[in-house]
Structures are given as structure tokens and as C-alpha cells.
mmCIF file of all heavy atoms, coordinates in Angstrom:
data_MODEL
# 
_entry.id   MODEL 
# 
loop_
_atom_site.group_PDB 
_atom_site.id 
_atom_site.type_symbol 
_atom_site.label_atom_id 
_atom_site.label_alt_id 
_atom_site.label_comp_id 
_atom_site.label_asym_id 
_atom_site.label_entity_id 
_atom_site.label_seq_id 
_atom_site.pdbx_PDB_ins_code 
_atom_site.Cartn_x 
_atom_site.Cartn_y 
_atom_site.Cartn_z 
_atom_site.occupancy 
_atom_site.B_iso_or_equiv 
_atom_site.pdbx_formal_charge 
_atom_site.auth_seq_id 
_atom_site.auth_comp_id 
_atom_site.auth_asym_id 
_atom_site.auth_atom_id 
_atom_site.pdbx_PDB_model_num 
ATOM 1   N N   . GLU A 1 1  ? 2.973  -14.415 21.731  1.00 0.00 ? 1  GLU A N   1 
ATOM 2   C CA  . GLU A 1 1  ? 2.525  -13.207 22.413  1.00 0.00 ? 1  GLU A CA  1 
ATOM 3   C C   . GLU A 1 1  ? 2.649  -11.979 21.515  1.00 0.00 ? 1  GLU A C   1 
ATOM 4   O O   . GLU A 1 1  ? 2.180  -10.902 21.892  1.00 0.00 ? 1  GLU A O   1 
ATOM 5   C CB  . GLU A 1 1  ? 3.246  -13.052 23.661  1.00 0.00 ? 1  GLU A CB  1 
ATOM 6   C CG  . GLU A 1 1  ? 2.907  -14.151 24.698  1.00 0.00 ? 1  GLU A CG  1 
ATOM 7   C CD  . GLU A 1 1  ? 3.585  -13.927 26.028  1.00 0.00 ? 1  GLU A CD  1 
ATOM 8   O OE1 . GLU A 1 1  ? 4.315  -12.943 26.204  1.00 0.00 ? 1  GLU A OE1 1 
ATOM 9   O OE2 . GLU A 1 1  ? 3.403  -14.821 26.910  1.00 0.00 ? 1  GLU A OE2 1 
ATOM 10  N N   . THR A 1 2  ? 3.271  -12.067 20.379  1.00 0.00 ? 2  THR A N   1 
ATOM 11  C CA  . THR A 1 2  ? 3.420  -10.880 19.471  1.00 0.00 ? 2  THR A CA  1 
ATOM 12  C C   . THR A 1 2  ? 2.839  -11.260 18.200  1.00 0.00 ? 2  THR A C   1 
ATOM 13  O O   . THR A 1 2  ? 3.217  -12.226 17.508  1.00 0.00 ? 2  THR A O   1 
ATOM 14  C CB  . THR A 1 2  ? 4.903  -10.452 19.360  1.00 0.00 ? 2  THR A CB  1 
ATOM 15  O OG1 . THR A 1 2  ? 5.461  -10.231 20.637  1.00 0.00 ? 2  THR A OG1 1 
ATOM 16  C CG2 . THR A 1 2  ? 4.995  -9.212  18.508  1.00 0.00 ? 2  THR A CG2 1 
ATOM 17  N N   . TRP A 1 3  ? 1.868  -10.513 17.713  1.00 0.00 ? 3  TRP A N   1 
ATOM 18  C CA  . TRP A 1 3  ? 1.156  -10.744 16.440  1.00 0.00 ? 3  TRP A CA  1 
ATOM 19  C C   . TRP A 1 3  ? 1.417  -9.508  15.492  1.00 0.00 ? 3  TRP A C   1 
ATOM 20  O O   . TRP A 1 3  ? 1.414  -8.409  15.913  1.00 0.00 ? 3  TRP A O   1 
ATOM 21  C CB  . TRP A 1 3  ? -0.315 -10.859 16.664  1.00 0.00 ? 3  TRP A CB  1 
ATOM 22  C CG  . TRP A 1 3  ? -0.610 -11.975 17.630  1.00 0.00 ? 3  TRP A CG  1 
ATOM 23  C CD1 . TRP A 1 3  ? -0.652 -11.962 18.963  1.00 0.00 ? 3  TRP A CD1 1 
ATOM 24  C CD2 . TRP A 1 3  ? -1.013 -13.323 17.232  1.00 0.00 ? 3  TRP A CD2 1 
ATOM 25  N NE1 . TRP A 1 3  ? -0.988 -13.166 19.470  1.00 0.00 ? 3  TRP A NE1 1 
ATOM 26  C CE2 . TRP A 1 3  ? -1.246 -14.006 18.481  1.00 0.00 ? 3  TRP A CE2 1 
ATOM 27  C CE3 . TRP A 1 3  ? -1.225 -13.954 16.061  1.00 0.00 ? 3  TRP A CE3 1 
ATOM 28  C CZ2 . TRP A 1 3  ? -1.618 -15.347 18.453  1.00 0.00 ? 3  TRP A CZ2 1 
ATOM 29  C CZ3 . TRP A 1 3  ? -1.595 -15.307 16.056  1.00 0.00 ? 3  TRP A CZ3 1 
ATOM 30  C CH2 . TRP A 1 3  ? -1.751 -15.982 17.233  1.00 0.00 ? 3  TRP A CH2 1 
ATOM 31  N N   . PRO A 1 4  ? 1.557  -9.817  14.164  1.00 0.00 ? 4  PRO A N   1 
ATOM 32  C CA  . PRO A 1 4  ? 1.615  -8.746  13.225  1.00 0.00 ? 4  PRO A CA  1 
ATOM 33  C C   . PRO A 1 4  ? 0.292  -8.123  12.985  1.00 0.00 ? 4  PRO A C   1 
ATOM 34  O O   . PRO A 1 4  ? -0.688 -8.779  12.900  1.00 0.00 ? 4  PRO A O   1 
ATOM 35  C CB  . PRO A 1 4  ? 2.170  -9.422  11.919  1.00 0.00 ? 4  PRO A CB  1 
ATOM 36  C CG  . PRO A 1 4  ? 1.717  -10.829 12.059  1.00 0.00 ? 4  PRO A CG  1 
ATOM 37  C CD  . PRO A 1 4  ? 1.665  -11.141 13.527  1.00 0.00 ? 4  PRO A CD  1 
ATOM 38  N N   . THR A 1 5  ? 0.262  -6.812  12.944  1.00 0.00 ? 5  THR A N   1 
ATOM 39  C CA  . THR A 1 5  ? -0.971 -6.084  12.588  1.00 0.00 ? 5  THR A CA  1 
ATOM 40  C C   . THR A 1 5  ? -0.604 -4.928  11.690  1.00 0.00 ? 5  THR A C   1 
ATOM 41  O O   . THR A 1 5  ? 0.653  -4.665  11.499  1.00 0.00 ? 5  THR A O   1 
ATOM 42  C CB  . THR A 1 5  ? -1.668 -5.482  13.903  1.00 0.00 ? 5  THR A CB  1 
ATOM 43  O OG1 . THR A 1 5  ? -2.938 -4.962  13.533  1.00 0.00 ? 5  THR A OG1 1 
ATOM 44  C CG2 . THR A 1 5  ? -0.828 -4.528  14.624  1.00 0.00 ? 5  THR A CG2 1 
ATOM 45  N N   . TYR A 1 6  ? -1.506 -4.234  11.109  1.00 0.00 ? 6  TYR A N   1 
ATOM 46  C CA  . TYR A 1 6  ? -1.213 -3.145  10.163  1.00 0.00 ? 6  TYR A CA  1 
ATOM 47  C C   . TYR A 1 6  ? -2.091 -2.013  10.372  1.00 0.00 ? 6  TYR A C   1 
ATOM 48  O O   . TYR A 1 6  ? -3.184 -2.136  10.948  1.00 0.00 ? 6  TYR A O   1 
ATOM 49  C CB  . TYR A 1 6  ? -1.197 -3.576  8.741   1.00 0.00 ? 6  TYR A CB  1 
ATOM 50  C CG  . TYR A 1 6  ? -2.565 -3.863  8.106   1.00 0.00 ? 6  TYR A CG  1 
ATOM 51  C CD1 . TYR A 1 6  ? -3.223 -2.874  7.443   1.00 0.00 ? 6  TYR A CD1 1 
ATOM 52  C CD2 . TYR A 1 6  ? -3.221 -5.092  8.424   1.00 0.00 ? 6  TYR A CD2 1 
ATOM 53  C CE1 . TYR A 1 6  ? -4.504 -3.099  6.921   1.00 0.00 ? 6  TYR A CE1 1 
ATOM 54  C CE2 . TYR A 1 6  ? -4.531 -5.275  7.920   1.00 0.00 ? 6  TYR A CE2 1 
ATOM 55  C CZ  . TYR A 1 6  ? -5.139 -4.294  7.178   1.00 0.00 ? 6  TYR A CZ  1 
ATOM 56  O OH  . TYR A 1 6  ? -6.341 -4.496  6.674   1.00 0.00 ? 6  TYR A OH  1 
ATOM 57  N N   . ASP A 1 7  ? -1.631 -0.841  10.001  1.00 0.00 ? 7  ASP A N   1 
ATOM 58  C CA  . ASP A 1 7  ? -2.392 0.443   10.147  1.00 0.00 ? 7  ASP A CA  1 
ATOM 59  C C   . ASP A 1 7  ? -3.109 0.569   8.723   1.00 0.00 ? 7  ASP A C   1 
ATOM 60  O O   . ASP A 1 7  ? -2.491 0.763   7.742   1.00 0.00 ? 7  ASP A O   1 
ATOM 61  C CB  . ASP A 1 7  ? -1.439 1.568   10.360  1.00 0.00 ? 7  ASP A CB  1 
ATOM 62  C CG  . ASP A 1 7  ? -2.130 2.926   10.581  1.00 0.00 ? 7  ASP A CG  1 
ATOM 63  O OD1 . ASP A 1 7  ? -3.228 3.028   9.993   1.00 0.00 ? 7  ASP A OD1 1 
ATOM 64  O OD2 . ASP A 1 7  ? -1.516 3.791   11.129  1.00 0.00 ? 7  ASP A OD2 1 
ATOM 65  N N   . SER A 1 8  ? -4.439 0.528   8.766   1.00 0.00 ? 8  SER A N   1 
ATOM 66  C CA  . SER A 1 8  ? -5.218 0.602   7.550   1.00 0.00 ? 8  SER A CA  1 
ATOM 67  C C   . SER A 1 8  ? -5.042 1.877   6.831   1.00 0.00 ? 8  SER A C   1 
ATOM 68  O O   . SER A 1 8  ? -5.019 1.980   5.610   1.00 0.00 ? 8  SER A O   1 
ATOM 69  C CB  . SER A 1 8  ? -6.688 0.289   7.748   1.00 0.00 ? 8  SER A CB  1 
ATOM 70  O OG  . SER A 1 8  ? -7.201 1.088   8.722   1.00 0.00 ? 8  SER A OG  1 
ATOM 71  N N   . ASP A 1 9  ? -4.896 2.998   7.579   1.00 0.00 ? 9  ASP A N   1 
ATOM 72  C CA  . ASP A 1 9  ? -4.619 4.317   6.966   1.00 0.00 ? 9  ASP A CA  1 
ATOM 73  C C   . ASP A 1 9  ? -3.297 4.328   6.206   1.00 0.00 ? 9  ASP A C   1 
ATOM 74  O O   . ASP A 1 9  ? -3.148 4.805   5.075   1.00 0.00 ? 9  ASP A O   1 
ATOM 75  C CB  . ASP A 1 9  ? -4.689 5.462   7.951   1.00 0.00 ? 9  ASP A CB  1 
ATOM 76  C CG  . ASP A 1 9  ? -6.098 5.684   8.436   1.00 0.00 ? 9  ASP A CG  1 
ATOM 77  O OD1 . ASP A 1 9  ? -7.060 5.590   7.621   1.00 0.00 ? 9  ASP A OD1 1 
ATOM 78  O OD2 . ASP A 1 9  ? -6.266 5.943   9.609   1.00 0.00 ? 9  ASP A OD2 1 
ATOM 79  N N   . GLU A 1 10 ? -2.318 3.692   6.848   1.00 0.00 ? 10 GLU A N   1 
ATOM 80  C CA  . GLU A 1 10 ? -1.008 3.611   6.176   1.00 0.00 ? 10 GLU A CA  1 
ATOM 81  C C   . GLU A 1 10 ? -1.009 2.777   4.978   1.00 0.00 ? 10 GLU A C   1 
ATOM 82  O O   . GLU A 1 10 ? -0.408 3.051   3.930   1.00 0.00 ? 10 GLU A O   1 
ATOM 83  C CB  . GLU A 1 10 ? 0.013  3.027   7.225   1.00 0.00 ? 10 GLU A CB  1 
ATOM 84  C CG  . GLU A 1 10 ? 1.421  3.166   6.765   1.00 0.00 ? 10 GLU A CG  1 
ATOM 85  C CD  . GLU A 1 10 ? 2.413  2.655   7.851   1.00 0.00 ? 10 GLU A CD  1 
ATOM 86  O OE1 . GLU A 1 10 ? 2.030  2.543   9.045   1.00 0.00 ? 10 GLU A OE1 1 
ATOM 87  O OE2 . GLU A 1 10 ? 3.518  2.359   7.513   1.00 0.00 ? 10 GLU A OE2 1 
ATOM 88  N N   . PHE A 1 11 ? -1.789 1.710   5.007   1.00 0.00 ? 11 PHE A N   1 
ATOM 89  C CA  . PHE A 1 11 ? -2.008 0.834   3.868   1.00 0.00 ? 11 PHE A CA  1 
ATOM 90  C C   . PHE A 1 11 ? -2.630 1.532   2.688   1.00 0.00 ? 11 PHE A C   1 
ATOM 91  O O   . PHE A 1 11 ? -2.170 1.473   1.524   1.00 0.00 ? 11 PHE A O   1 
ATOM 92  C CB  . PHE A 1 11 ? -2.804 -0.450  4.225   1.00 0.00 ? 11 PHE A CB  1 
ATOM 93  C CG  . PHE A 1 11 ? -3.025 -1.385  3.070   1.00 0.00 ? 11 PHE A CG  1 
ATOM 94  C CD1 . PHE A 1 11 ? -2.043 -2.006  2.469   1.00 0.00 ? 11 PHE A CD1 1 
ATOM 95  C CD2 . PHE A 1 11 ? -4.332 -1.625  2.674   1.00 0.00 ? 11 PHE A CD2 1 
ATOM 96  C CE1 . PHE A 1 11 ? -2.162 -2.860  1.394   1.00 0.00 ? 11 PHE A CE1 1 
ATOM 97  C CE2 . PHE A 1 11 ? -4.544 -2.454  1.581   1.00 0.00 ? 11 PHE A CE2 1 
ATOM 98  C CZ  . PHE A 1 11 ? -3.452 -3.098  0.949   1.00 0.00 ? 11 PHE A CZ  1 
ATOM 99  N N   . LEU A 1 12 ? -3.699 2.329   2.984   1.00 0.00 ? 12 LEU A N   1 
ATOM 100 C CA  . LEU A 1 12 ? -4.380 3.032   1.883   1.00 0.00 ? 12 LEU A CA  1 
ATOM 101 C C   . LEU A 1 12 ? -3.418 4.087   1.307   1.00 0.00 ? 12 LEU A C   1 
ATOM 102 O O   . LEU A 1 12 ? -3.454 4.349   0.106   1.00 0.00 ? 12 LEU A O   1 
ATOM 103 C CB  . LEU A 1 12 ? -5.682 3.589   2.385   1.00 0.00 ? 12 LEU A CB  1 
ATOM 104 C CG  . LEU A 1 12 ? -6.823 2.594   2.705   1.00 0.00 ? 12 LEU A CG  1 
ATOM 105 C CD1 . LEU A 1 12 ? -7.965 3.334   3.291   1.00 0.00 ? 12 LEU A CD1 1 
ATOM 106 C CD2 . LEU A 1 12 ? -7.156 1.865   1.473   1.00 0.00 ? 12 LEU A CD2 1 
ATOM 107 N N   . ASN A 1 13 ? -2.678 4.779   2.189   1.00 0.00 ? 13 ASN A N   1 
ATOM 108 C CA  . ASN A 1 13 ? -1.706 5.730   1.676   1.00 0.00 ? 13 ASN A CA  1 
ATOM 109 C C   . ASN A 1 13 ? -0.708 5.088   0.792   1.00 0.00 ? 13 ASN A C   1 
ATOM 110 O O   . ASN A 1 13 ? -0.230 5.658   -0.214  1.00 0.00 ? 13 ASN A O   1 
ATOM 111 C CB  . ASN A 1 13 ? -1.041 6.473   2.857   1.00 0.00 ? 13 ASN A CB  1 
ATOM 112 C CG  . ASN A 1 13 ? -2.007 7.450   3.563   1.00 0.00 ? 13 ASN A CG  1 
ATOM 113 O OD1 . ASN A 1 13 ? -2.922 7.935   2.976   1.00 0.00 ? 13 ASN A OD1 1 
ATOM 114 N ND2 . ASN A 1 13 ? -1.755 7.719   4.800   1.00 0.00 ? 13 ASN A ND2 1 
ATOM 115 N N   . PHE A 1 14 ? -0.206 3.871   1.138   1.00 0.00 ? 14 PHE A N   1 
ATOM 116 C CA  . PHE A 1 14 ? 0.691  3.165   0.258   1.00 0.00 ? 14 PHE A CA  1 
ATOM 117 C C   . PHE A 1 14 ? 0.027  2.882   -1.090  1.00 0.00 ? 14 PHE A C   1 
ATOM 118 O O   . PHE A 1 14 ? 0.673  3.035   -2.143  1.00 0.00 ? 14 PHE A O   1 
ATOM 119 C CB  . PHE A 1 14 ? 1.101  1.791   0.885   1.00 0.00 ? 14 PHE A CB  1 
ATOM 120 C CG  . PHE A 1 14 ? 1.856  0.945   -0.014  1.00 0.00 ? 14 PHE A CG  1 
ATOM 121 C CD1 . PHE A 1 14 ? 3.143  1.218   -0.410  1.00 0.00 ? 14 PHE A CD1 1 
ATOM 122 C CD2 . PHE A 1 14 ? 1.303  -0.220  -0.579  1.00 0.00 ? 14 PHE A CD2 1 
ATOM 123 C CE1 . PHE A 1 14 ? 3.837  0.387   -1.313  1.00 0.00 ? 14 PHE A CE1 1 
ATOM 124 C CE2 . PHE A 1 14 ? 1.921  -0.996  -1.445  1.00 0.00 ? 14 PHE A CE2 1 
ATOM 125 C CZ  . PHE A 1 14 ? 3.202  -0.675  -1.879  1.00 0.00 ? 14 PHE A CZ  1 
ATOM 126 N N   . LEU A 1 15 ? -1.232 2.476   -1.110  1.00 0.00 ? 15 LEU A N   1 
ATOM 127 C CA  . LEU A 1 15 ? -1.882 2.184   -2.377  1.00 0.00 ? 15 LEU A CA  1 
ATOM 128 C C   . LEU A 1 15 ? -1.952 3.475   -3.234  1.00 0.00 ? 15 LEU A C   1 
ATOM 129 O O   . LEU A 1 15 ? -2.021 3.350   -4.472  1.00 0.00 ? 15 LEU A O   1 
ATOM 130 C CB  . LEU A 1 15 ? -3.324 1.646   -2.133  1.00 0.00 ? 15 LEU A CB  1 
ATOM 131 C CG  . LEU A 1 15 ? -3.366 0.251   -1.529  1.00 0.00 ? 15 LEU A CG  1 
ATOM 132 C CD1 . LEU A 1 15 ? -4.861 -0.060  -1.273  1.00 0.00 ? 15 LEU A CD1 1 
ATOM 133 C CD2 . LEU A 1 15 ? -2.714 -0.763  -2.324  1.00 0.00 ? 15 LEU A CD2 1 
ATOM 134 N N   . LEU A 1 16 ? -1.980 4.672   -2.636  1.00 0.00 ? 16 LEU A N   1 
ATOM 135 C CA  . LEU A 1 16 ? -2.006 5.855   -3.358  1.00 0.00 ? 16 LEU A CA  1 
ATOM 136 C C   . LEU A 1 16 ? -0.649 6.337   -3.853  1.00 0.00 ? 16 LEU A C   1 
ATOM 137 O O   . LEU A 1 16 ? -0.488 7.306   -4.622  1.00 0.00 ? 16 LEU A O   1 
ATOM 138 C CB  . LEU A 1 16 ? -2.658 6.965   -2.532  1.00 0.00 ? 16 LEU A CB  1 
ATOM 139 C CG  . LEU A 1 16 ? -4.138 6.856   -2.250  1.00 0.00 ? 16 LEU A CG  1 
ATOM 140 C CD1 . LEU A 1 16 ? -4.615 7.879   -1.283  1.00 0.00 ? 16 LEU A CD1 1 
ATOM 141 C CD2 . LEU A 1 16 ? -4.903 7.007   -3.562  1.00 0.00 ? 16 LEU A CD2 1 
ATOM 142 N N   . SER A 1 17 ? 0.373  5.694   -3.345  1.00 0.00 ? 17 SER A N   1 
ATOM 143 C CA  . SER A 1 17 ? 1.793  6.112   -3.623  1.00 0.00 ? 17 SER A CA  1 
ATOM 144 C C   . SER A 1 17 ? 2.208  5.752   -5.089  1.00 0.00 ? 17 SER A C   1 
ATOM 145 O O   . SER A 1 17 ? 1.720  4.799   -5.647  1.00 0.00 ? 17 SER A O   1 
ATOM 146 C CB  . SER A 1 17 ? 2.758  5.465   -2.674  1.00 0.00 ? 17 SER A CB  1 
ATOM 147 O OG  . SER A 1 17 ? 2.969  4.159   -2.923  1.00 0.00 ? 17 SER A OG  1 
ATOM 148 N N   . GLU A 1 18 ? 3.126  6.531   -5.597  1.00 0.00 ? 18 GLU A N   1 
ATOM 149 C CA  . GLU A 1 18 ? 3.595  6.282   -6.869  1.00 0.00 ? 18 GLU A CA  1 
ATOM 150 C C   . GLU A 1 18 ? 4.374  4.922   -6.972  1.00 0.00 ? 18 GLU A C   1 
ATOM 151 O O   . GLU A 1 18 ? 4.352  4.234   -7.969  1.00 0.00 ? 18 GLU A O   1 
ATOM 152 C CB  . GLU A 1 18 ? 4.520  7.385   -7.351  1.00 0.00 ? 18 GLU A CB  1 
ATOM 153 C CG  . GLU A 1 18 ? 4.964  7.296   -8.826  1.00 0.00 ? 18 GLU A CG  1 
ATOM 154 C CD  . GLU A 1 18 ? 3.803  7.263   -9.789  1.00 0.00 ? 18 GLU A CD  1 
ATOM 155 O OE1 . GLU A 1 18 ? 2.815  7.882   -9.573  1.00 0.00 ? 18 GLU A OE1 1 
ATOM 156 O OE2 . GLU A 1 18 ? 4.000  6.600   -10.760 1.00 0.00 ? 18 GLU A OE2 1 
ATOM 157 N N   . GLU A 1 19 ? 4.945  4.527   -5.820  1.00 0.00 ? 19 GLU A N   1 
ATOM 158 C CA  . GLU A 1 19 ? 5.641  3.283   -5.736  1.00 0.00 ? 19 GLU A CA  1 
ATOM 159 C C   . GLU A 1 19 ? 4.734  2.094   -6.047  1.00 0.00 ? 19 GLU A C   1 
ATOM 160 O O   . GLU A 1 19 ? 5.018  1.186   -6.743  1.00 0.00 ? 19 GLU A O   1 
ATOM 161 C CB  . GLU A 1 19 ? 6.257  3.127   -4.342  1.00 0.00 ? 19 GLU A CB  1 
ATOM 162 C CG  . GLU A 1 19 ? 6.910  1.772   -4.078  1.00 0.00 ? 19 GLU A CG  1 
ATOM 163 C CD  . GLU A 1 19 ? 7.386  1.597   -2.599  1.00 0.00 ? 19 GLU A CD  1 
ATOM 164 O OE1 . GLU A 1 19 ? 7.120  2.479   -1.844  1.00 0.00 ? 19 GLU A OE1 1 
ATOM 165 O OE2 . GLU A 1 19 ? 7.886  0.501   -2.352  1.00 0.00 ? 19 GLU A OE2 1 
ATOM 166 N N   . ALA A 1 20 ? 3.501  2.171   -5.464  1.00 0.00 ? 20 ALA A N   1 
ATOM 167 C CA  . ALA A 1 20 ? 2.510  1.086   -5.698  1.00 0.00 ? 20 ALA A CA  1 
ATOM 168 C C   . ALA A 1 20 ? 1.836  1.161   -7.010  1.00 0.00 ? 20 ALA A C   1 
ATOM 169 O O   . ALA A 1 20 ? 1.762  0.222   -7.757  1.00 0.00 ? 20 ALA A O   1 
ATOM 170 C CB  . ALA A 1 20 ? 1.424  1.153   -4.580  1.00 0.00 ? 20 ALA A CB  1 
ATOM 171 N N   . ILE A 1 21 ? 1.506  2.398   -7.443  1.00 0.00 ? 21 ILE A N   1 
ATOM 172 C CA  . ILE A 1 21 ? 0.791  2.590   -8.694  1.00 0.00 ? 21 ILE A CA  1 
ATOM 173 C C   . ILE A 1 21 ? 1.683  2.273   -9.895  1.00 0.00 ? 21 ILE A C   1 
ATOM 174 O O   . ILE A 1 21 ? 1.296  1.564   -10.901 1.00 0.00 ? 21 ILE A O   1 
ATOM 175 C CB  . ILE A 1 21 ? 0.236  4.055   -8.856  1.00 0.00 ? 21 ILE A CB  1 
ATOM 176 C CG1 . ILE A 1 21 ? -0.789 4.300   -7.741  1.00 0.00 ? 21 ILE A CG1 1 
ATOM 177 C CG2 . ILE A 1 21 ? -0.276 4.304   -10.224 1.00 0.00 ? 21 ILE A CG2 1 
ATOM 178 C CD1 . ILE A 1 21 ? -1.184 5.672   -7.636  1.00 0.00 ? 21 ILE A CD1 1 
ATOM 179 N N   . SER A 1 22 ? 2.937  2.535   -9.834  1.00 0.00 ? 22 SER A N   1 
ATOM 180 C CA  . SER A 1 22 ? 3.883  2.295   -10.905 1.00 0.00 ? 22 SER A CA  1 
ATOM 181 C C   . SER A 1 22 ? 4.158  0.795   -11.136 1.00 0.00 ? 22 SER A C   1 
ATOM 182 O O   . SER A 1 22 ? 4.606  0.375   -12.187 1.00 0.00 ? 22 SER A O   1 
ATOM 183 C CB  . SER A 1 22 ? 5.236  3.031   -10.730 1.00 0.00 ? 22 SER A CB  1 
ATOM 184 O OG  . SER A 1 22 ? 5.920  2.521   -9.593  1.00 0.00 ? 22 SER A OG  1 
ATOM 185 N N   . GLN A 1 23 ? 3.769  -0.038  -10.201 1.00 0.00 ? 23 GLN A N   1 
ATOM 186 C CA  . GLN A 1 23 ? 3.932  -1.537  -10.366 1.00 0.00 ? 23 GLN A CA  1 
ATOM 187 C C   . GLN A 1 23 ? 2.856  -2.145  -11.201 1.00 0.00 ? 23 GLN A C   1 
ATOM 188 O O   . GLN A 1 23 ? 2.934  -3.279  -11.596 1.00 0.00 ? 23 GLN A O   1 
ATOM 189 C CB  . GLN A 1 23 ? 3.983  -2.146  -9.021  1.00 0.00 ? 23 GLN A CB  1 
ATOM 190 C CG  . GLN A 1 23 ? 5.272  -1.791  -8.176  1.00 0.00 ? 23 GLN A CG  1 
ATOM 191 C CD  . GLN A 1 23 ? 5.245  -2.459  -6.839  1.00 0.00 ? 23 GLN A CD  1 
ATOM 192 O OE1 . GLN A 1 23 ? 4.855  -3.615  -6.677  1.00 0.00 ? 23 GLN A OE1 1 
ATOM 193 N NE2 . GLN A 1 23 ? 5.733  -1.729  -5.817  1.00 0.00 ? 23 GLN A NE2 1 
ATOM 194 N N   . LEU A 1 24 ? 1.753  -1.415  -11.484 1.00 0.00 ? 24 LEU A N   1 
ATOM 195 C CA  . LEU A 1 24 ? 0.664  -1.938  -12.317 1.00 0.00 ? 24 LEU A CA  1 
ATOM 196 C C   . LEU A 1 24 ? 1.060  -2.007  -13.723 1.00 0.00 ? 24 LEU A C   1 
ATOM 197 O O   . LEU A 1 24 ? 1.883  -1.182  -14.206 1.00 0.00 ? 24 LEU A O   1 
ATOM 198 C CB  . LEU A 1 24 ? -0.623 -1.010  -12.118 1.00 0.00 ? 24 LEU A CB  1 
ATOM 199 C CG  . LEU A 1 24 ? -1.161 -0.889  -10.658 1.00 0.00 ? 24 LEU A CG  1 
ATOM 200 C CD1 . LEU A 1 24 ? -2.147 0.200   -10.643 1.00 0.00 ? 24 LEU A CD1 1 
ATOM 201 C CD2 . LEU A 1 24 ? -1.707 -2.239  -10.243 1.00 0.00 ? 24 LEU A CD2 1 
ATOM 202 N N   . ASP A 1 25 ? 0.424  -2.933  -14.425 1.00 0.00 ? 25 ASP A N   1 
ATOM 203 C CA  . ASP A 1 25 ? 0.705  -3.038  -15.904 1.00 0.00 ? 25 ASP A CA  1 
ATOM 204 C C   . ASP A 1 25 ? 0.263  -1.785  -16.644 1.00 0.00 ? 25 ASP A C   1 
ATOM 205 O O   . ASP A 1 25 ? 0.951  -1.396  -17.576 1.00 0.00 ? 25 ASP A O   1 
ATOM 206 C CB  . ASP A 1 25 ? -0.028 -4.315  -16.441 1.00 0.00 ? 25 ASP A CB  1 
ATOM 207 C CG  . ASP A 1 25 ? 0.630  -5.608  -15.917 1.00 0.00 ? 25 ASP A CG  1 
ATOM 208 O OD1 . ASP A 1 25 ? 1.811  -5.579  -15.568 1.00 0.00 ? 25 ASP A OD1 1 
ATOM 209 O OD2 . ASP A 1 25 ? -0.137 -6.641  -15.906 1.00 0.00 ? 25 ASP A OD2 1 
ATOM 210 N N   . ASP A 1 26 ? -0.915 -1.281  -16.186 1.00 0.00 ? 26 ASP A N   1 
ATOM 211 C CA  . ASP A 1 26 ? -1.363 -0.067  -16.851 1.00 0.00 ? 26 ASP A CA  1 
ATOM 212 C C   . ASP A 1 26 ? -1.759 0.909   -15.768 1.00 0.00 ? 26 ASP A C   1 
ATOM 213 O O   . ASP A 1 26 ? -2.944 0.886   -15.302 1.00 0.00 ? 26 ASP A O   1 
ATOM 214 C CB  . ASP A 1 26 ? -2.515 -0.411  -17.809 1.00 0.00 ? 26 ASP A CB  1 
ATOM 215 C CG  . ASP A 1 26 ? -3.073 0.773   -18.612 1.00 0.00 ? 26 ASP A CG  1 
ATOM 216 O OD1 . ASP A 1 26 ? -2.361 1.843   -18.577 1.00 0.00 ? 26 ASP A OD1 1 
ATOM 217 O OD2 . ASP A 1 26 ? -4.120 0.704   -19.222 1.00 0.00 ? 26 ASP A OD2 1 
ATOM 218 N N   . PRO A 1 27 ? -0.899 1.693   -15.310 1.00 0.00 ? 27 PRO A N   1 
ATOM 219 C CA  . PRO A 1 27 ? -1.231 2.579   -14.092 1.00 0.00 ? 27 PRO A CA  1 
ATOM 220 C C   . PRO A 1 27 ? -2.071 3.795   -14.427 1.00 0.00 ? 27 PRO A C   1 
ATOM 221 O O   . PRO A 1 27 ? -2.705 4.420   -13.498 1.00 0.00 ? 27 PRO A O   1 
ATOM 222 C CB  . PRO A 1 27 ? 0.186  3.041   -13.632 1.00 0.00 ? 27 PRO A CB  1 
ATOM 223 C CG  . PRO A 1 27 ? 1.047  2.899   -14.824 1.00 0.00 ? 27 PRO A CG  1 
ATOM 224 C CD  . PRO A 1 27 ? 0.505  1.841   -15.632 1.00 0.00 ? 27 PRO A CD  1 
ATOM 225 N N   . GLU A 1 28 ? -2.188 4.158   -15.670 1.00 0.00 ? 28 GLU A N   1 
ATOM 226 C CA  . GLU A 1 28 ? -2.923 5.386   -16.034 1.00 0.00 ? 28 GLU A CA  1 
ATOM 227 C C   . GLU A 1 28 ? -4.432 5.394   -15.595 1.00 0.00 ? 28 GLU A C   1 
ATOM 228 O O   . GLU A 1 28 ? -4.872 6.414   -15.091 1.00 0.00 ? 28 GLU A O   1 
ATOM 229 C CB  . GLU A 1 28 ? -2.850 5.751   -17.495 1.00 0.00 ? 28 GLU A CB  1 
ATOM 230 C CG  . GLU A 1 28 ? -1.494 6.249   -17.953 1.00 0.00 ? 28 GLU A CG  1 
ATOM 231 C CD  . GLU A 1 28 ? -0.978 7.301   -16.982 1.00 0.00 ? 28 GLU A CD  1 
ATOM 232 O OE1 . GLU A 1 28 ? -1.721 8.349   -16.788 1.00 0.00 ? 28 GLU A OE1 1 
ATOM 233 O OE2 . GLU A 1 28 ? 0.113  7.221   -16.494 1.00 0.00 ? 28 GLU A OE2 1 
# 
């Protein structure tokens, strides 16, 4: 009766965060 869902705006904001970008091999 309980399913996981996500907020797409929050996900896109995460992708823009330094935390996410700094994990890339070449973030520049």
C-alpha cells in the first residue's frame, strides 16, 4: 500500500548540485 515516488523538480535540482556534479570524472 506504500510505494516509493520522487519529486522530479527535486531530482533535477540534485543534478544541478555540486554534490552530483563533483562525482563526474570530468565535471567541467
